[in-house]
Amino acid sequence: MAYNVKISPVAKADVRRAVAYYKKEASLKVAQNFVADYELTLKKIVQNPFFQIYYKDFRGLTFSKYPYIIFFQIDETNKFILVKAVFNASQDIGKRPK
């Protein structure tokens, strides 16, 4: 059985900010590539959600091409993944969600 995914409002806002940044500072193509990398990373999480634990029950997976990490939690009983944040790994590590 596949895991269902829910994206938190915080994570959605993180993605919107990143896309807006790349559109403004680079180009539409770079922003589109960011979205593609985000979607690929989500797909990897759904296929096998048991990635590195960063803090308590928060797991994370880095993007392939961009300096971002998707932080998420797993409910193994109900086969559910909750994406809590999409964190820019270039930021201060103290800002990581807990």
N, C-alpha and C. Protein backbone atom coordinates (compact mmCIF):
# COMPACT_ATOMS: atom_id res chain seq x y z
N MET A 1 0.85 -1.19 0.00
CA MET A 1 0.00 0.00 0.00
C MET A 1 0.89 1.25 0.00
N ALA A 2 0.58 2.17 -0.87
CA ALA A 2 1.34 3.42 -0.98
C ALA A 2 0.97 4.37 0.16
N TYR A 3 1.89 5.24 0.46
CA TYR A 3 1.65 6.26 1.48
C TYR A 3 0.92 7.44 0.87
N ASN A 4 -0.06 7.96 1.59
CA ASN A 4 -0.72 9.21 1.20
C ASN A 4 0.12 10.36 1.72
N VAL A 5 0.10 11.48 0.99
CA VAL A 5 0.91 12.64 1.36
C VAL A 5 0.03 13.85 1.58
N LYS A 6 0.33 14.57 2.65
CA LYS A 6 -0.32 15.86 2.89
C LYS A 6 0.80 16.89 3.04
N ILE A 7 0.64 18.01 2.36
CA ILE A 7 1.61 19.10 2.42
C ILE A 7 1.06 20.16 3.37
N SER A 8 1.81 20.50 4.39
CA SER A 8 1.35 21.51 5.36
C SER A 8 1.33 22.89 4.71
N PRO A 9 0.54 23.81 5.26
CA PRO A 9 0.55 25.19 4.75
C PRO A 9 1.93 25.83 4.82
N VAL A 10 2.70 25.51 5.84
CA VAL A 10 4.06 26.05 5.96
C VAL A 10 4.92 25.57 4.79
N ALA A 11 4.85 24.28 4.47
CA ALA A 11 5.65 23.73 3.37
C ALA A 11 5.21 24.33 2.03
N LYS A 12 3.91 24.51 1.84
CA LYS A 12 3.42 25.13 0.60
C LYS A 12 3.96 26.55 0.47
N ALA A 13 3.96 27.29 1.56
CA ALA A 13 4.49 28.66 1.55
C ALA A 13 5.99 28.66 1.27
N ASP A 14 6.71 27.69 1.82
CA ASP A 14 8.15 27.57 1.56
C ASP A 14 8.42 27.39 0.07
N VAL A 15 7.64 26.53 -0.57
CA VAL A 15 7.81 26.27 -2.01
C VAL A 15 7.47 27.52 -2.81
N ARG A 16 6.38 28.19 -2.45
CA ARG A 16 5.99 29.41 -3.17
C ARG A 16 7.08 30.48 -3.07
N ARG A 17 7.67 30.64 -1.88
CA ARG A 17 8.74 31.62 -1.71
C ARG A 17 9.96 31.26 -2.56
N ALA A 18 10.31 30.00 -2.59
CA ALA A 18 11.47 29.56 -3.38
C ALA A 18 11.22 29.79 -4.87
N VAL A 19 10.04 29.46 -5.35
CA VAL A 19 9.72 29.66 -6.76
C VAL A 19 9.76 31.15 -7.11
N ALA A 20 9.18 31.98 -6.26
CA ALA A 20 9.20 33.43 -6.50
C ALA A 20 10.63 33.95 -6.52
N TYR A 21 11.45 33.47 -5.61
CA TYR A 21 12.85 33.89 -5.56
C TYR A 21 13.57 33.51 -6.85
N TYR A 22 13.44 32.27 -7.28
CA TYR A 22 14.15 31.84 -8.49
C TYR A 22 13.63 32.55 -9.74
N LYS A 23 12.33 32.83 -9.81
CA LYS A 23 11.79 33.60 -10.94
C LYS A 23 12.40 34.99 -10.99
N LYS A 24 12.49 35.63 -9.81
CA LYS A 24 12.98 37.01 -9.74
C LYS A 24 14.49 37.09 -9.93
N GLU A 25 15.23 36.22 -9.26
CA GLU A 25 16.69 36.32 -9.24
C GLU A 25 17.38 35.55 -10.36
N ALA A 26 16.69 34.58 -10.96
CA ALA A 26 17.31 33.78 -12.03
C ALA A 26 16.44 33.84 -13.28
N SER A 27 15.51 32.91 -13.40
CA SER A 27 14.63 32.90 -14.58
C SER A 27 13.45 31.97 -14.33
N LEU A 28 12.48 32.05 -15.21
CA LEU A 28 11.32 31.16 -15.13
C LEU A 28 11.77 29.71 -15.27
N LYS A 29 12.72 29.44 -16.14
CA LYS A 29 13.21 28.08 -16.36
C LYS A 29 13.84 27.51 -15.08
N VAL A 30 14.61 28.32 -14.37
CA VAL A 30 15.23 27.87 -13.12
C VAL A 30 14.13 27.57 -12.09
N ALA A 31 13.10 28.41 -12.04
CA ALA A 31 11.99 28.19 -11.12
C ALA A 31 11.26 26.89 -11.48
N GLN A 32 11.07 26.64 -12.76
CA GLN A 32 10.42 25.40 -13.20
C GLN A 32 11.27 24.18 -12.85
N ASN A 33 12.57 24.31 -13.00
CA ASN A 33 13.47 23.21 -12.64
C ASN A 33 13.43 22.94 -11.13
N PHE A 34 13.29 24.00 -10.33
CA PHE A 34 13.14 23.84 -8.89
C PHE A 34 11.89 23.01 -8.59
N VAL A 35 10.77 23.36 -9.22
CA VAL A 35 9.51 22.63 -9.00
C VAL A 35 9.67 21.16 -9.41
N ALA A 36 10.34 20.92 -10.53
CA ALA A 36 10.57 19.53 -10.98
C ALA A 36 11.40 18.77 -9.97
N ASP A 37 12.42 19.40 -9.41
CA ASP A 37 13.27 18.76 -8.41
C ASP A 37 12.47 18.49 -7.13
N TYR A 38 11.63 19.42 -6.73
CA TYR A 38 10.75 19.25 -5.57
C TYR A 38 9.83 18.04 -5.78
N GLU A 39 9.20 17.97 -6.94
CA GLU A 39 8.29 16.86 -7.23
C GLU A 39 9.01 15.52 -7.27
N LEU A 40 10.22 15.50 -7.82
CA LEU A 40 11.01 14.27 -7.85
C LEU A 40 11.38 13.82 -6.43
N THR A 41 11.74 14.78 -5.59
CA THR A 41 12.09 14.46 -4.20
C THR A 41 10.88 13.92 -3.45
N LEU A 42 9.71 14.52 -3.67
CA LEU A 42 8.48 14.00 -3.06
C LEU A 42 8.20 12.58 -3.52
N LYS A 43 8.40 12.33 -4.79
CA LYS A 43 8.17 10.99 -5.34
C LYS A 43 9.08 9.96 -4.66
N LYS A 44 10.34 10.33 -4.44
CA LYS A 44 11.28 9.44 -3.75
C LYS A 44 10.80 9.16 -2.33
N ILE A 45 10.30 10.18 -1.66
CA ILE A 45 9.80 10.03 -0.29
C ILE A 45 8.62 9.07 -0.26
N VAL A 46 7.71 9.21 -1.20
CA VAL A 46 6.53 8.34 -1.24
C VAL A 46 6.94 6.88 -1.52
N GLN A 47 7.90 6.70 -2.39
CA GLN A 47 8.35 5.34 -2.72
C GLN A 47 9.02 4.66 -1.54
N ASN A 48 9.77 5.41 -0.75
CA ASN A 48 10.45 4.87 0.42
C ASN A 48 10.66 6.00 1.42
N PRO A 49 9.76 6.17 2.37
CA PRO A 49 9.84 7.32 3.28
C PRO A 49 10.85 7.21 4.42
N PHE A 50 11.57 6.12 4.53
CA PHE A 50 12.44 5.92 5.69
C PHE A 50 13.84 6.48 5.47
N PHE A 51 13.89 7.80 5.34
CA PHE A 51 15.16 8.50 5.17
C PHE A 51 15.67 8.97 6.52
N GLN A 52 16.78 9.68 6.50
CA GLN A 52 17.48 10.11 7.71
C GLN A 52 16.56 10.85 8.67
N ILE A 53 16.68 10.51 9.96
CA ILE A 53 15.97 11.25 11.01
C ILE A 53 16.86 12.42 11.42
N TYR A 54 16.28 13.63 11.37
CA TYR A 54 17.03 14.84 11.74
C TYR A 54 16.77 15.26 13.18
N TYR A 55 15.53 15.09 13.63
CA TYR A 55 15.18 15.54 14.98
C TYR A 55 13.94 14.78 15.42
N LYS A 56 14.03 14.09 16.54
CA LYS A 56 12.93 13.28 17.06
C LYS A 56 12.35 12.41 15.94
N ASP A 57 11.11 12.68 15.51
CA ASP A 57 10.49 11.87 14.45
C ASP A 57 10.43 12.60 13.11
N PHE A 58 11.25 13.65 12.96
CA PHE A 58 11.30 14.38 11.70
C PHE A 58 12.38 13.78 10.80
N ARG A 59 11.97 13.39 9.62
CA ARG A 59 12.90 12.86 8.63
C ARG A 59 13.11 13.92 7.55
N GLY A 60 14.15 13.74 6.77
CA GLY A 60 14.41 14.70 5.71
C GLY A 60 15.08 14.06 4.52
N LEU A 61 14.84 14.65 3.36
CA LEU A 61 15.51 14.24 2.13
C LEU A 61 15.88 15.49 1.35
N THR A 62 17.13 15.55 0.94
CA THR A 62 17.60 16.71 0.18
C THR A 62 17.20 16.59 -1.28
N PHE A 63 17.05 17.74 -1.92
CA PHE A 63 16.80 17.80 -3.35
C PHE A 63 18.06 17.33 -4.07
N SER A 64 17.91 16.94 -5.32
CA SER A 64 19.07 16.51 -6.10
C SER A 64 19.92 17.67 -6.57
N LYS A 65 19.25 18.77 -7.01
CA LYS A 65 19.98 19.86 -7.66
C LYS A 65 19.93 21.19 -6.92
N TYR A 66 19.04 21.34 -5.99
CA TYR A 66 18.87 22.62 -5.28
C TYR A 66 19.19 22.42 -3.80
N PRO A 67 19.59 23.49 -3.11
CA PRO A 67 20.00 23.36 -1.70
C PRO A 67 18.81 23.37 -0.74
N TYR A 68 17.91 22.42 -0.91
CA TYR A 68 16.70 22.35 -0.09
C TYR A 68 16.54 20.95 0.48
N ILE A 69 15.83 20.89 1.61
CA ILE A 69 15.52 19.63 2.28
C ILE A 69 14.02 19.62 2.54
N ILE A 70 13.37 18.51 2.23
CA ILE A 70 11.97 18.32 2.61
C ILE A 70 11.96 17.62 3.96
N PHE A 71 11.37 18.26 4.97
CA PHE A 71 11.21 17.67 6.29
C PHE A 71 9.80 17.11 6.40
N PHE A 72 9.71 15.88 6.92
CA PHE A 72 8.39 15.23 6.98
C PHE A 72 8.33 14.26 8.15
N GLN A 73 7.10 13.87 8.47
CA GLN A 73 6.85 12.87 9.50
C GLN A 73 6.05 11.73 8.86
N ILE A 74 6.20 10.54 9.43
CA ILE A 74 5.51 9.36 8.91
C ILE A 74 4.58 8.80 9.97
N ASP A 75 3.37 8.45 9.53
CA ASP A 75 2.45 7.67 10.34
C ASP A 75 2.41 6.29 9.68
N GLU A 76 3.21 5.36 10.19
CA GLU A 76 3.33 4.03 9.58
C GLU A 76 2.04 3.24 9.66
N THR A 77 1.30 3.39 10.75
CA THR A 77 0.06 2.64 10.93
C THR A 77 -0.96 2.99 9.85
N ASN A 78 -1.10 4.28 9.58
CA ASN A 78 -2.11 4.73 8.61
C ASN A 78 -1.53 5.00 7.22
N LYS A 79 -0.22 4.70 7.05
CA LYS A 79 0.45 4.89 5.75
C LYS A 79 0.27 6.33 5.27
N PHE A 80 0.73 7.26 6.11
CA PHE A 80 0.51 8.68 5.87
C PHE A 80 1.82 9.44 6.05
N ILE A 81 2.11 10.37 5.14
CA ILE A 81 3.29 11.22 5.23
C ILE A 81 2.82 12.67 5.33
N LEU A 82 3.33 13.40 6.30
CA LEU A 82 3.03 14.82 6.44
C LEU A 82 4.29 15.62 6.19
N VAL A 83 4.29 16.38 5.11
CA VAL A 83 5.42 17.26 4.79
C VAL A 83 5.25 18.51 5.62
N LYS A 84 6.22 18.75 6.51
CA LYS A 84 6.13 19.87 7.44
C LYS A 84 6.79 21.14 6.93
N ALA A 85 7.90 21.01 6.17
CA ALA A 85 8.63 22.19 5.70
C ALA A 85 9.51 21.82 4.52
N VAL A 86 9.80 22.83 3.72
CA VAL A 86 10.78 22.71 2.64
C VAL A 86 11.82 23.76 2.96
N PHE A 87 12.94 23.30 3.50
CA PHE A 87 13.93 24.16 4.12
C PHE A 87 15.09 24.45 3.19
N ASN A 88 15.47 25.71 3.10
CA ASN A 88 16.65 26.10 2.33
C ASN A 88 17.88 25.76 3.15
N ALA A 89 18.64 24.78 2.70
CA ALA A 89 19.78 24.29 3.47
C ALA A 89 20.92 25.29 3.52
N SER A 90 20.85 26.36 2.73
CA SER A 90 21.86 27.41 2.79
C SER A 90 21.63 28.36 3.96
N GLN A 91 20.47 28.25 4.59
CA GLN A 91 20.15 29.12 5.72
C GLN A 91 20.83 28.61 6.98
N ASP A 92 20.77 29.41 8.00
CA ASP A 92 21.31 29.05 9.30
C ASP A 92 20.67 27.78 9.81
N ILE A 93 21.45 26.80 10.22
CA ILE A 93 20.93 25.52 10.68
C ILE A 93 20.00 25.70 11.88
N GLY A 94 20.17 26.76 12.63
CA GLY A 94 19.29 27.04 13.76
C GLY A 94 17.86 27.33 13.35
N LYS A 95 17.64 27.63 12.09
CA LYS A 95 16.30 27.92 11.60
C LYS A 95 15.53 26.67 11.17
N ARG A 96 16.19 25.50 11.21
CA ARG A 96 15.50 24.28 10.79
C ARG A 96 14.28 24.06 11.66
N PRO A 97 13.20 23.57 11.07
CA PRO A 97 11.98 23.33 11.86
C PRO A 97 12.19 22.22 12.87
N LYS A 98 11.50 22.36 14.00
CA LYS A 98 11.57 21.33 15.07
C LYS A 98 10.19 20.87 15.42
